[in-house]
Protein backbone atom coordinates (compact mmCIF):
# COMPACT_ATOMS: atom_id res chain seq x y z
CA MET A 1 0.00 0.00 0.00
CA PRO A 2 1.76 3.22 -1.11
CA SER A 3 2.03 6.23 1.18
CA MET A 4 0.64 9.68 0.39
CA ILE A 5 3.92 10.74 -1.25
CA ASP A 6 4.13 7.58 -3.34
CA VAL A 7 0.66 8.31 -4.77
CA ARG A 8 1.49 11.94 -5.51
CA LEU A 9 4.77 11.05 -7.20
CA MET A 10 3.53 8.00 -9.09
CA GLY A 11 4.58 8.12 -12.69
CA ASP A 12 7.76 10.14 -12.23
CA GLY A 13 9.59 7.55 -14.32
CA LEU A 14 12.23 6.67 -11.75
CA ALA A 15 12.49 2.87 -11.53
CA PRO A 16 14.07 1.24 -8.46
CA ASN A 17 17.85 1.26 -8.56
CA MET A 18 19.87 -1.94 -8.49
CA TYR A 19 21.83 -2.81 -5.38
CA ASN A 20 25.43 -1.61 -5.31
CA LYS A 21 27.92 -2.78 -2.69
CA ARG A 22 29.66 0.61 -2.66
CA PHE A 23 26.65 2.14 -0.97
CA LYS A 24 26.07 -0.62 1.56
CA ASN A 25 27.39 1.33 4.56
CA LYS A 26 25.47 4.48 3.66
CA GLU A 27 22.36 2.43 3.08
CA LEU A 28 22.55 0.74 6.46
CA GLY A 29 23.36 4.04 8.15
CA SER A 30 20.29 5.69 6.67
CA CYS A 31 18.14 2.73 7.71
CA TYR A 32 19.46 2.93 11.28
CA SER A 33 18.80 6.68 11.35
CA GLY A 34 15.20 6.12 10.30
CA VAL A 35 14.73 3.46 12.99
CA ILE A 36 16.17 5.83 15.62
CA PHE A 37 13.72 8.55 14.53
CA TYR A 38 10.78 6.17 14.85
CA LEU A 39 11.97 4.93 18.25
CA TYR A 40 12.26 8.51 19.46
CA LEU A 41 8.74 9.26 18.25
CA SER A 42 7.39 6.12 19.95
CA ARG A 43 9.11 7.07 23.21
CA PHE A 44 7.63 10.57 23.06
CA PHE A 45 4.06 9.33 22.62
CA TRP A 46 4.50 6.68 25.30
CA HIS A 47 5.59 9.44 27.65
CA THR A 48 2.49 11.49 26.82
CA TYR A 49 0.30 8.43 27.37
CA ILE A 50 1.79 7.94 30.85
CA GLN A 51 1.26 11.63 31.51
CA LYS A 52 -2.40 11.29 30.54
CA MET A 53 -2.84 8.36 32.92
CA LYS A 54 -1.28 10.38 35.74
CA ALA A 55 -3.70 13.21 34.98
CA LYS A 56 -6.67 10.88 35.37
CA GLU A 57 -5.36 9.54 38.68
CA PHE A 58 -4.66 13.06 39.91
CA ASN A 59 -8.13 14.33 39.03
CA SER A 60 -9.84 11.32 40.60
CA GLU A 61 -7.88 11.37 43.86
CA VAL A 62 -7.90 15.10 44.65
CA ASP A 63 -11.09 16.50 46.15
CA PHE A 64 -11.30 20.09 44.87
CA PRO A 65 -13.41 22.62 46.77
CA GLU A 66 -16.59 23.44 44.89
CA ASN A 67 -16.31 27.12 45.72
CA ASN A 68 -12.78 27.50 44.31
CA GLN A 69 -13.04 26.86 40.57
CA HIS A 70 -10.00 29.00 39.74
CA LYS A 71 -7.76 26.94 42.02
CA ARG A 72 -9.11 23.71 40.49
CA LYS A 73 -8.40 24.97 36.98
CA ASN A 74 -4.81 25.93 37.81
CA SER A 75 -4.23 22.55 39.47
CA VAL A 76 -5.38 20.50 36.48
CA ILE A 77 -3.72 22.44 33.66
CA PRO A 78 -0.16 21.06 34.15
CA TYR A 79 -1.51 17.52 33.77
CA GLN A 80 -3.78 18.03 30.78
CA PHE A 81 -3.17 16.18 27.53
CA HIS A 82 -3.04 19.19 25.22
CA GLU A 83 -4.22 19.23 21.59
CA SER A 84 -0.77 20.40 20.48
CA ILE A 85 0.13 16.71 20.43
CA LEU A 86 -1.43 16.62 16.95
CA LEU A 87 1.08 19.21 15.72
CA VAL A 88 3.95 17.13 17.06
CA LEU A 89 2.49 13.88 15.71
CA TRP A 90 1.84 15.01 12.14
CA GLY A 91 4.92 17.19 12.03
CA TRP A 92 7.19 14.21 12.75
CA LEU A 93 5.22 11.83 10.51
CA LEU A 94 5.34 14.10 7.48
CA PHE A 95 8.95 15.11 8.10
CA LEU A 96 10.08 11.47 8.28
CA ASP A 97 7.99 10.45 5.27
CA TYR A 98 9.31 13.21 3.00
CA PHE A 99 12.86 12.79 4.25
CA ARG A 100 12.65 9.05 3.64
CA PHE A 101 11.53 9.64 0.08
CA TYR A 102 14.34 12.17 -0.46
CA LEU A 103 16.93 9.65 0.76
CA SER A 104 15.49 6.96 -1.50
CA LYS A 105 16.04 9.27 -4.49
CA GLU A 106 19.41 10.62 -3.38
CA MET A 107 21.05 7.35 -2.34
CA MET A 108 21.25 4.01 -4.09
CA PHE A 109 19.04 1.74 -2.00
CA SER A 110 18.27 -1.86 -2.74
CA TYR A 111 14.81 -2.67 -3.99
CA ASP A 112 13.99 -4.67 -0.85
CA LEU A 113 15.08 -1.85 1.44
CA ARG A 114 12.96 0.63 -0.52
CA LYS A 115 9.94 -1.60 -0.08
CA MET A 116 10.65 -2.08 3.63
CA LEU A 117 10.97 1.67 4.30
CA ALA A 118 7.83 2.40 2.27
CA ALA A 119 5.87 -0.23 4.20
CA LEU A 120 7.19 1.10 7.51
CA CYS A 121 6.15 4.65 6.64
CA THR A 122 2.72 3.43 5.53
CA VAL A 123 2.17 1.63 8.82
CA VAL A 124 3.24 4.67 10.83
CA VAL A 125 1.03 7.06 8.81
CA VAL A 126 -2.01 4.78 9.10
CA SER A 127 -1.34 4.49 12.85
CA GLY A 128 -1.22 8.29 13.03
CA ILE A 129 -4.57 8.57 11.24
CA ILE A 130 -6.17 6.04 13.61
CA TYR A 131 -4.75 7.81 16.65
CA THR A 132 -5.94 11.22 15.37
CA ILE A 133 -9.48 9.90 14.87
CA TYR A 134 -9.43 8.40 18.38
CA PHE A 135 -8.00 11.61 19.85
CA LEU A 136 -10.64 13.83 18.21
CA SER A 137 -13.46 11.43 19.10
CA LYS A 138 -12.65 12.05 22.77
CA ARG A 139 -12.95 15.83 22.22
CA LEU A 140 -16.11 16.16 20.15
CA GLU A 141 -17.23 19.13 22.23
CA LYS A 142 -14.18 21.08 21.09
CA LEU A 143 -14.75 20.13 17.44
CA LYS A 144 -18.22 21.65 17.70
CA THR A 145 -16.83 25.06 18.69
CA GLU A 146 -16.21 27.81 16.15
CA LEU A 147 -12.46 27.25 16.40
CA GLY A 148 -12.78 23.51 15.81
CA LYS A 149 -15.09 23.99 12.83
CA SER A 150 -12.77 26.63 11.37
CA LEU A 151 -9.70 24.39 11.62
CA LEU A 152 -11.53 21.47 10.00
CA CYS A 153 -12.72 23.76 7.21
CA VAL A 154 -9.19 25.08 6.59
CA TRP A 155 -7.57 21.66 6.21
CA PHE A 156 -10.45 20.09 4.30
CA SER A 157 -10.33 23.03 1.89
CA ALA A 158 -6.56 22.60 1.50
CA PHE A 159 -7.02 18.92 0.63
CA LEU A 160 -9.80 19.76 -1.83
CA CYS A 161 -7.59 22.40 -3.50
CA MET A 162 -4.81 19.84 -3.99
CA VAL A 163 -7.24 17.44 -5.65
CA MET A 164 -8.51 20.22 -7.93
CA VAL A 165 -4.96 21.24 -8.91
CA HIS A 166 -4.25 17.67 -9.97
CA LEU A 167 -7.50 17.42 -11.97
CA ILE A 168 -6.99 20.80 -13.65
CA GLN A 169 -3.56 19.71 -14.88
CA GLN A 170 -5.03 16.54 -16.31
CA ASN A 171 -7.80 18.42 -18.11
CA SER A 172 -5.75 21.36 -19.39
CA ILE A 173 -2.36 19.98 -20.41
CA HIS A 174 -3.32 16.25 -20.29
CA LYS A 175 -0.36 15.34 -18.09
CA VAL A 176 0.97 15.98 -14.60
CA VAL A 177 4.09 18.11 -14.18
CA PHE A 178 5.21 16.87 -10.78
CA GLU A 179 7.75 19.67 -10.20
CA LEU A 180 4.98 22.25 -10.67
CA GLN A 181 2.33 20.29 -8.83
CA HIS A 182 4.51 19.74 -5.78
CA CYS A 183 5.31 23.46 -5.49
CA LEU A 184 1.60 24.29 -5.67
CA PHE A 185 0.86 21.66 -3.03
CA MET A 186 3.48 23.23 -0.77
CA LEU A 187 1.96 26.68 -1.31
CA ILE A 188 -1.54 25.44 -0.45
CA THR A 189 -0.16 23.73 2.65
CA ALA A 190 1.64 26.94 3.66
CA ILE A 191 -1.62 28.90 3.45
CA ALA A 192 -3.36 26.30 5.63
CA ILE A 193 -0.55 26.47 8.21
CA VAL A 194 -0.68 30.29 8.29
CA LEU A 195 -4.44 30.22 8.82
CA THR A 196 -4.03 27.60 11.54
CA GLY A 197 -1.46 29.73 13.35
CA ARG A 198 -3.75 32.75 13.09
CA LEU A 199 -6.78 30.86 14.38
CA ILE A 200 -5.02 29.35 17.40
CA HIS A 201 -3.10 32.63 18.03
CA ASN A 202 0.29 30.92 17.90
CA ARG A 203 3.12 32.92 16.38
CA PRO A 204 5.61 30.05 15.87
CA VAL A 205 3.03 28.18 13.75
CA LEU A 206 2.17 31.38 11.88
CA TYR A 207 5.82 32.16 11.11
CA GLY A 208 6.41 28.51 10.24
CA GLY A 209 3.66 28.76 7.62
CA ILE A 210 5.26 31.87 6.13
CA PHE A 211 8.61 30.08 6.01
CA PHE A 212 6.86 27.13 4.36
CA ALA A 213 5.59 29.48 1.62
CA VAL A 214 9.13 30.78 1.06
CA LEU A 215 10.33 27.19 0.69
CA ALA A 216 7.53 26.57 -1.84
CA PHE A 217 8.86 29.43 -3.97
CA ALA A 218 12.46 28.22 -3.61
CA ALA A 219 11.36 24.71 -4.61
CA SER A 220 10.23 26.02 -8.01
CA TYR A 221 13.92 26.33 -8.95
CA LEU A 222 14.75 22.73 -7.97
CA VAL A 223 14.09 19.25 -9.24
CA LEU A 224 11.49 17.06 -7.56
CA LYS A 225 14.03 15.20 -5.42
CA ASP A 226 15.31 18.39 -3.81
CA GLN A 227 11.79 19.73 -3.40
CA LEU A 228 11.07 16.81 -1.10
CA LEU A 229 13.97 17.81 1.16
CA LEU A 230 12.66 21.38 1.35
CA GLU A 231 9.20 20.18 2.30
CA ALA A 232 10.65 17.95 5.02
CA ILE A 233 12.46 21.01 6.43
CA GLY A 234 9.21 22.98 6.14
CA TRP A 235 7.27 20.49 8.27
CA LEU A 236 10.07 20.48 10.84
CA CYS A 237 9.92 24.28 11.18
CA ALA A 238 6.14 24.72 10.85
CA PHE A 239 4.79 21.85 12.96
CA VAL A 240 7.48 19.96 14.90
CA ILE A 241 9.28 22.85 16.59
CA PRO A 242 6.15 24.97 17.31
CA GLY A 243 4.31 21.84 18.46
CA HIS A 244 7.00 20.97 21.01
CA ILE A 245 7.09 24.58 22.22
CA LEU A 246 3.29 24.68 22.64
CA TYR A 247 3.19 21.25 24.27
CA SER A 248 5.89 22.18 26.78
CA LYS A 249 3.79 25.14 27.96
CA HIS A 250 0.88 22.88 28.88
């Protein structure tokens, strides 16, 4: 089952490279680096899960005075499982997925290793989707607020725009220019990130979206392989770093 990037880049004409012993050490090193990234991500989410369990125990054991709501609020906040976890989750997932695809184009990997990395990324992305659905299902009341509806509208509109860009290319020039399409996808994503930062009143996310737009313009001068590296850097700056900063405050 191909990942999101594999579907978007299908048809680029680059067949899997044959295995070459000269690149064996680099190949294994890149594989180990990817495994370390995934282990770090797993450790982070396990830590947040333990933190969530401690929050439940804390809230169930402490008997808060009914006439002191402000004190109760301040006592619970440090233990809350904040929604910024989604920024960290999808920031790391997309960064690793794009960086994995860049390495597969830059370095001479064996066909089996390519398939293994693609399958690993697919499993991680699907796990992220399942976790996101579970996470949001536990916070339906927040999705029904104006902020929740606005964020859903922004990202659904961004996805719809990407689909329309692909269809317009097919209908107008009867082919897909992946270098152009990827830059447009990055620009649409940058707009969605900027709007997200504005809606949640978070400057690091807002500035990360602006930086993402600059990378989209810079990518128009590069080949598809290098564009993938720029997008990986964009997700790191727009979601991963701001997400960790926001999560640490809560």
